[in-house]
Every structure is written in C-alpha cells, then in structure tokens.
C-alpha cells in the first residue's frame, strides 16, 4: 500500500474530540505528519494538558493511522510547545463553532 500524507490526514479527520463537534485535524491538534519506509510519525497536541479524553484520543489516532500505515510502526509525539490556540483551527472549524475573528 502506498501511504501518503493525504491518506493519513483523511483518517485523522475521522477522529473527533468528544467535547467539540470538530475533528482533530480541523481543530489544529496535529502539528506534523511524516512517513518513512518503516514508520509514520505524528506530532500532536491537545487544547489542554488536562484533557480528560487524552488517552482515548491518542488510542484513536494510533489505531486510525495504523489502519492505513501499510504495516509501518506508528509513533505519536505529544507536544506542548508551541501551545495550541484558536489560530490553529481551520476556517471550517471556526465556522462550525461559530467563532468569528471578533469572537476570538
């Protein structure tokens, strides 16, 4: 299977934060996706270090990416720098959450 960043991003868009009706890609929680011959590396964050669903979401990300990784090992690097903020959200996510530039 030919694995591309597009494949990975597509499956990441299927993972939703249970507290926010927006997928983690559009929320801007994914900072980087890289693929080598043997591995897929995901660099991601959360809106808060105290997110109660952190472990569940990390498992969902791992499982979704593994399903399209072509047998590559999946590694998730949880980072807090740079910190997440509203500017990382896509326009679609801001629209879905009714966040206009005046509101954030």
N, C-alpha and C. Protein backbone atom coordinates (compact mmCIF):
# COMPACT_ATOMS: atom_id res chain seq x y z
N UNK A 1 0.84 -1.18 0.00
CA UNK A 1 0.00 0.00 0.00
C UNK A 1 0.88 1.24 0.00
N UNK A 2 0.57 2.16 -0.89
CA UNK A 2 1.29 3.42 -0.96
C UNK A 2 0.68 4.38 0.06
N UNK A 3 1.45 4.73 1.06
CA UNK A 3 0.97 5.60 2.13
C UNK A 3 1.40 7.03 1.82
N UNK A 4 0.43 7.94 1.90
CA UNK A 4 0.72 9.35 1.67
C UNK A 4 0.22 10.18 2.85
N UNK A 5 0.69 11.41 2.91
CA UNK A 5 0.19 12.31 3.95
C UNK A 5 -1.31 12.50 3.78
N UNK A 6 -1.79 12.53 2.55
CA UNK A 6 -3.23 12.66 2.31
C UNK A 6 -4.01 11.52 2.95
N UNK A 7 -3.52 10.27 2.79
CA UNK A 7 -4.18 9.12 3.42
C UNK A 7 -4.25 9.30 4.94
N UNK A 8 -3.15 9.71 5.50
CA UNK A 8 -3.07 9.88 6.95
C UNK A 8 -4.01 11.00 7.39
N UNK A 9 -3.97 12.12 6.70
CA UNK A 9 -4.84 13.25 7.06
C UNK A 9 -6.31 12.85 6.95
N UNK A 10 -6.66 12.11 5.92
CA UNK A 10 -8.05 11.67 5.76
C UNK A 10 -8.53 10.87 6.96
N UNK A 11 -7.70 9.95 7.47
CA UNK A 11 -8.15 9.17 8.62
C UNK A 11 -8.12 10.00 9.90
N UNK A 12 -7.20 10.95 9.99
CA UNK A 12 -7.19 11.82 11.17
C UNK A 12 -8.46 12.67 11.23
N UNK A 13 -9.01 12.99 10.08
CA UNK A 13 -10.25 13.77 10.04
C UNK A 13 -11.45 12.96 10.52
N UNK A 14 -11.27 11.66 10.74
CA UNK A 14 -12.37 10.83 11.27
C UNK A 14 -12.36 10.78 12.80
N UNK A 15 -11.33 11.38 13.41
CA UNK A 15 -11.23 11.38 14.88
C UNK A 15 -11.75 12.71 15.40
N UNK A 16 -12.77 12.62 16.24
CA UNK A 16 -13.40 13.83 16.78
C UNK A 16 -13.15 13.95 18.26
N UNK A 17 -12.94 15.18 18.68
CA UNK A 17 -12.89 15.47 20.10
C UNK A 17 -14.32 15.29 20.62
N UNK A 18 -14.54 14.46 21.64
CA UNK A 18 -15.90 14.20 22.10
C UNK A 18 -16.58 15.42 22.73
N UNK A 19 -15.80 16.41 23.11
CA UNK A 19 -16.38 17.60 23.72
C UNK A 19 -16.64 18.71 22.71
N UNK A 20 -16.07 18.58 21.52
CA UNK A 20 -16.19 19.61 20.48
C UNK A 20 -16.56 18.90 19.18
N UNK A 21 -17.60 19.34 18.49
CA UNK A 21 -18.04 18.63 17.28
C UNK A 21 -17.17 18.92 16.05
N UNK A 22 -15.86 18.86 16.22
CA UNK A 22 -14.93 19.14 15.13
C UNK A 22 -13.82 18.10 15.21
N UNK A 23 -13.34 17.65 14.04
CA UNK A 23 -12.28 16.65 14.03
C UNK A 23 -10.94 17.26 14.45
N UNK A 24 -10.03 16.40 14.87
CA UNK A 24 -8.76 16.87 15.43
C UNK A 24 -7.87 17.56 14.40
N UNK A 25 -8.03 17.20 13.13
CA UNK A 25 -7.25 17.88 12.09
C UNK A 25 -7.69 19.33 11.97
N UNK A 26 -9.00 19.54 11.85
CA UNK A 26 -9.51 20.91 11.70
C UNK A 26 -9.37 21.73 12.98
N UNK A 27 -9.31 21.04 14.12
CA UNK A 27 -9.05 21.76 15.37
C UNK A 27 -7.61 22.26 15.43
N UNK A 28 -6.75 21.70 14.60
CA UNK A 28 -5.34 22.11 14.60
C UNK A 28 -4.51 21.39 15.64
N UNK A 29 -4.98 20.21 16.06
CA UNK A 29 -4.23 19.46 17.06
C UNK A 29 -3.07 18.67 16.48
N UNK A 30 -3.08 18.48 15.16
CA UNK A 30 -2.00 17.76 14.50
C UNK A 30 -1.00 18.78 13.97
N UNK A 31 0.22 18.71 14.47
CA UNK A 31 1.27 19.65 14.06
C UNK A 31 2.09 19.15 12.89
N UNK A 32 2.26 17.82 12.79
CA UNK A 32 3.10 17.31 11.71
C UNK A 32 2.79 15.83 11.48
N UNK A 33 2.90 15.44 10.21
CA UNK A 33 2.77 14.04 9.79
C UNK A 33 3.97 13.75 8.91
N UNK A 34 4.76 12.74 9.27
CA UNK A 34 5.87 12.36 8.41
C UNK A 34 5.90 10.84 8.27
N UNK A 35 6.35 10.42 7.10
CA UNK A 35 6.32 9.00 6.74
C UNK A 35 7.70 8.58 6.26
N UNK A 36 8.20 7.47 6.80
CA UNK A 36 9.44 6.88 6.30
C UNK A 36 9.10 5.49 5.78
N UNK A 37 10.12 4.76 5.35
CA UNK A 37 9.90 3.40 4.85
C UNK A 37 9.33 2.47 5.91
N UNK A 38 9.66 2.74 7.18
CA UNK A 38 9.26 1.83 8.25
C UNK A 38 8.32 2.43 9.28
N UNK A 39 8.14 3.75 9.27
CA UNK A 39 7.40 4.41 10.35
C UNK A 39 6.52 5.54 9.84
N UNK A 40 5.50 5.83 10.66
CA UNK A 40 4.70 7.04 10.50
C UNK A 40 4.82 7.79 11.81
N UNK A 41 5.17 9.05 11.73
CA UNK A 41 5.32 9.89 12.91
C UNK A 41 4.26 10.98 12.90
N UNK A 42 3.55 11.08 14.02
CA UNK A 42 2.53 12.10 14.19
C UNK A 42 2.96 12.97 15.36
N UNK A 43 3.01 14.28 15.13
CA UNK A 43 3.28 15.22 16.21
C UNK A 43 1.96 15.94 16.47
N UNK A 44 1.49 15.83 17.71
CA UNK A 44 0.19 16.42 18.02
C UNK A 44 0.17 17.01 19.41
N UNK A 45 -0.90 17.75 19.68
CA UNK A 45 -1.10 18.36 20.98
C UNK A 45 -2.56 18.24 21.35
N UNK A 46 -2.94 18.83 22.45
CA UNK A 46 -4.33 18.93 22.88
C UNK A 46 -4.61 20.38 23.25
N UNK A 47 -5.88 20.69 23.36
CA UNK A 47 -6.24 22.06 23.73
C UNK A 47 -5.85 22.36 25.17
N UNK A 48 -5.71 21.30 25.96
CA UNK A 48 -5.34 21.46 27.37
C UNK A 48 -4.57 20.22 27.83
N UNK A 49 -3.54 20.41 28.66
CA UNK A 49 -2.82 19.26 29.19
C UNK A 49 -3.65 18.43 30.17
N UNK A 50 -4.80 18.93 30.56
CA UNK A 50 -5.66 18.20 31.49
C UNK A 50 -6.87 17.59 30.78
N UNK A 51 -6.80 17.45 29.48
CA UNK A 51 -7.90 16.88 28.70
C UNK A 51 -8.27 15.50 29.26
N UNK A 52 -9.51 15.31 29.69
CA UNK A 52 -9.88 14.02 30.27
C UNK A 52 -9.95 12.88 29.26
N UNK A 53 -10.01 13.20 27.98
CA UNK A 53 -10.11 12.19 26.93
C UNK A 53 -8.79 11.94 26.22
N UNK A 54 -7.70 12.45 26.79
CA UNK A 54 -6.40 12.37 26.13
C UNK A 54 -6.01 10.95 25.74
N UNK A 55 -6.08 10.03 26.68
CA UNK A 55 -5.66 8.65 26.41
C UNK A 55 -6.52 8.02 25.32
N UNK A 56 -7.82 8.24 25.39
CA UNK A 56 -8.74 7.69 24.39
C UNK A 56 -8.44 8.26 23.00
N UNK A 57 -8.24 9.56 22.92
CA UNK A 57 -7.94 10.18 21.63
C UNK A 57 -6.60 9.73 21.07
N UNK A 58 -5.61 9.57 21.93
CA UNK A 58 -4.31 9.07 21.47
C UNK A 58 -4.46 7.66 20.90
N UNK A 59 -5.26 6.83 21.55
CA UNK A 59 -5.50 5.47 21.04
C UNK A 59 -6.24 5.51 19.71
N UNK A 60 -7.23 6.40 19.59
CA UNK A 60 -7.96 6.53 18.33
C UNK A 60 -7.03 6.95 17.20
N UNK A 61 -6.18 7.94 17.47
CA UNK A 61 -5.24 8.40 16.47
C UNK A 61 -4.32 7.25 16.05
N UNK A 62 -3.77 6.56 17.02
CA UNK A 62 -2.87 5.44 16.71
C UNK A 62 -3.57 4.40 15.85
N UNK A 63 -4.76 3.99 16.25
CA UNK A 63 -5.47 2.94 15.52
C UNK A 63 -5.88 3.37 14.12
N UNK A 64 -6.34 4.60 13.98
CA UNK A 64 -6.74 5.08 12.64
C UNK A 64 -5.53 5.16 11.70
N UNK A 65 -4.44 5.71 12.20
CA UNK A 65 -3.25 5.82 11.37
C UNK A 65 -2.69 4.44 11.05
N UNK A 66 -2.68 3.55 12.03
CA UNK A 66 -2.18 2.19 11.79
C UNK A 66 -2.99 1.49 10.72
N UNK A 67 -4.28 1.80 10.61
CA UNK A 67 -5.14 1.14 9.62
C UNK A 67 -4.77 1.49 8.18
N UNK A 68 -4.04 2.59 7.98
CA UNK A 68 -3.63 2.98 6.62
C UNK A 68 -2.12 3.11 6.49
N UNK A 69 -1.38 2.60 7.49
CA UNK A 69 0.07 2.81 7.52
C UNK A 69 0.86 1.85 6.64
N UNK A 70 0.18 0.87 6.07
CA UNK A 70 0.89 -0.10 5.24
C UNK A 70 1.86 -0.94 6.04
N UNK A 71 1.53 -1.22 7.30
CA UNK A 71 2.40 -2.05 8.14
C UNK A 71 3.50 -1.28 8.84
N UNK A 72 3.57 0.02 8.62
CA UNK A 72 4.59 0.83 9.30
C UNK A 72 4.23 0.99 10.78
N UNK A 73 5.24 1.14 11.61
CA UNK A 73 5.00 1.44 13.02
C UNK A 73 4.52 2.88 13.13
N UNK A 74 3.57 3.11 14.02
CA UNK A 74 3.01 4.45 14.22
C UNK A 74 3.54 4.99 15.54
N UNK A 75 4.10 6.19 15.49
CA UNK A 75 4.65 6.85 16.67
C UNK A 75 3.95 8.19 16.83
N UNK A 76 3.44 8.43 18.02
CA UNK A 76 2.78 9.70 18.30
C UNK A 76 3.62 10.46 19.32
N UNK A 77 4.01 11.65 18.93
CA UNK A 77 4.79 12.52 19.81
C UNK A 77 3.84 13.60 20.32
N UNK A 78 3.51 13.54 21.61
CA UNK A 78 2.63 14.52 22.22
C UNK A 78 3.48 15.70 22.66
N UNK A 79 3.17 16.87 22.13
CA UNK A 79 3.98 18.07 22.41
C UNK A 79 3.09 19.17 22.98
N UNK A 80 3.72 20.06 23.72
CA UNK A 80 3.01 21.20 24.30
C UNK A 80 3.61 22.52 23.84
N UNK A 81 4.64 22.43 23.03
CA UNK A 81 5.29 23.64 22.52
C UNK A 81 5.45 23.51 21.01
N UNK A 82 4.87 24.37 20.23
CA UNK A 82 4.12 25.55 20.67
C UNK A 82 2.76 25.17 21.22
N UNK A 83 2.27 25.96 22.15
CA UNK A 83 0.96 25.66 22.73
C UNK A 83 -0.15 25.87 21.69
N UNK A 84 -1.18 25.06 21.82
CA UNK A 84 -2.33 25.19 20.93
C UNK A 84 -3.07 26.48 21.26
N UNK A 85 -3.60 27.13 20.22
CA UNK A 85 -4.51 28.26 20.42
C UNK A 85 -5.50 28.28 19.26
N UNK A 86 -6.50 29.14 19.36
CA UNK A 86 -7.58 29.18 18.38
C UNK A 86 -7.11 29.45 16.96
N UNK A 87 -5.97 30.10 16.81
CA UNK A 87 -5.48 30.42 15.46
C UNK A 87 -5.09 29.17 14.68
N UNK A 88 -4.91 28.05 15.35
CA UNK A 88 -4.54 26.80 14.68
C UNK A 88 -5.73 26.10 14.03
N UNK A 89 -6.94 26.54 14.36
CA UNK A 89 -8.14 25.92 13.82
C UNK A 89 -8.34 26.32 12.36
N UNK A 90 -8.91 25.41 11.59
CA UNK A 90 -9.23 25.72 10.20
C UNK A 90 -10.42 26.68 10.16
N UNK A 91 -10.60 27.32 9.02
CA UNK A 91 -11.75 28.20 8.84
C UNK A 91 -13.05 27.42 9.01
N UNK A 92 -13.07 26.19 8.52
CA UNK A 92 -14.27 25.35 8.64
C UNK A 92 -14.60 25.08 10.11
N UNK A 93 -13.57 24.83 10.92
CA UNK A 93 -13.79 24.57 12.34
C UNK A 93 -14.31 25.82 13.04
N UNK A 94 -13.74 26.97 12.71
CA UNK A 94 -14.21 28.22 13.32
C UNK A 94 -15.66 28.49 12.95
N UNK A 95 -16.00 28.22 11.70
CA UNK A 95 -17.38 28.40 11.25
C UNK A 95 -18.31 27.44 11.99
N UNK A 96 -17.91 26.17 12.09
CA UNK A 96 -18.72 25.16 12.78
C UNK A 96 -18.98 25.55 14.23
N UNK A 97 -17.99 26.15 14.88
CA UNK A 97 -18.11 26.52 16.28
C UNK A 97 -18.57 27.96 16.47
N UNK A 98 -18.90 28.61 15.36
CA UNK A 98 -19.37 30.00 15.37
C UNK A 98 -18.37 30.92 16.03
N UNK A 99 -17.10 30.74 15.68
CA UNK A 99 -16.02 31.60 16.18
C UNK A 99 -15.58 32.51 15.05
N UNK A 100 -15.97 33.74 15.13
CA UNK A 100 -15.54 34.71 14.14
C UNK A 100 -14.31 35.41 14.69
N UNK A 101 -13.65 36.16 13.86
CA UNK A 101 -12.44 36.85 14.31
C UNK A 101 -12.74 37.79 15.47
N UNK A 102 -13.95 38.36 15.50
CA UNK A 102 -14.31 39.24 16.62
C UNK A 102 -14.47 38.44 17.91
N UNK A 103 -14.85 37.14 17.78
CA UNK A 103 -15.11 36.33 18.97
C UNK A 103 -13.88 35.65 19.53
N UNK A 104 -12.75 35.77 18.86
CA UNK A 104 -11.55 35.14 19.39
C UNK A 104 -10.40 36.03 19.19
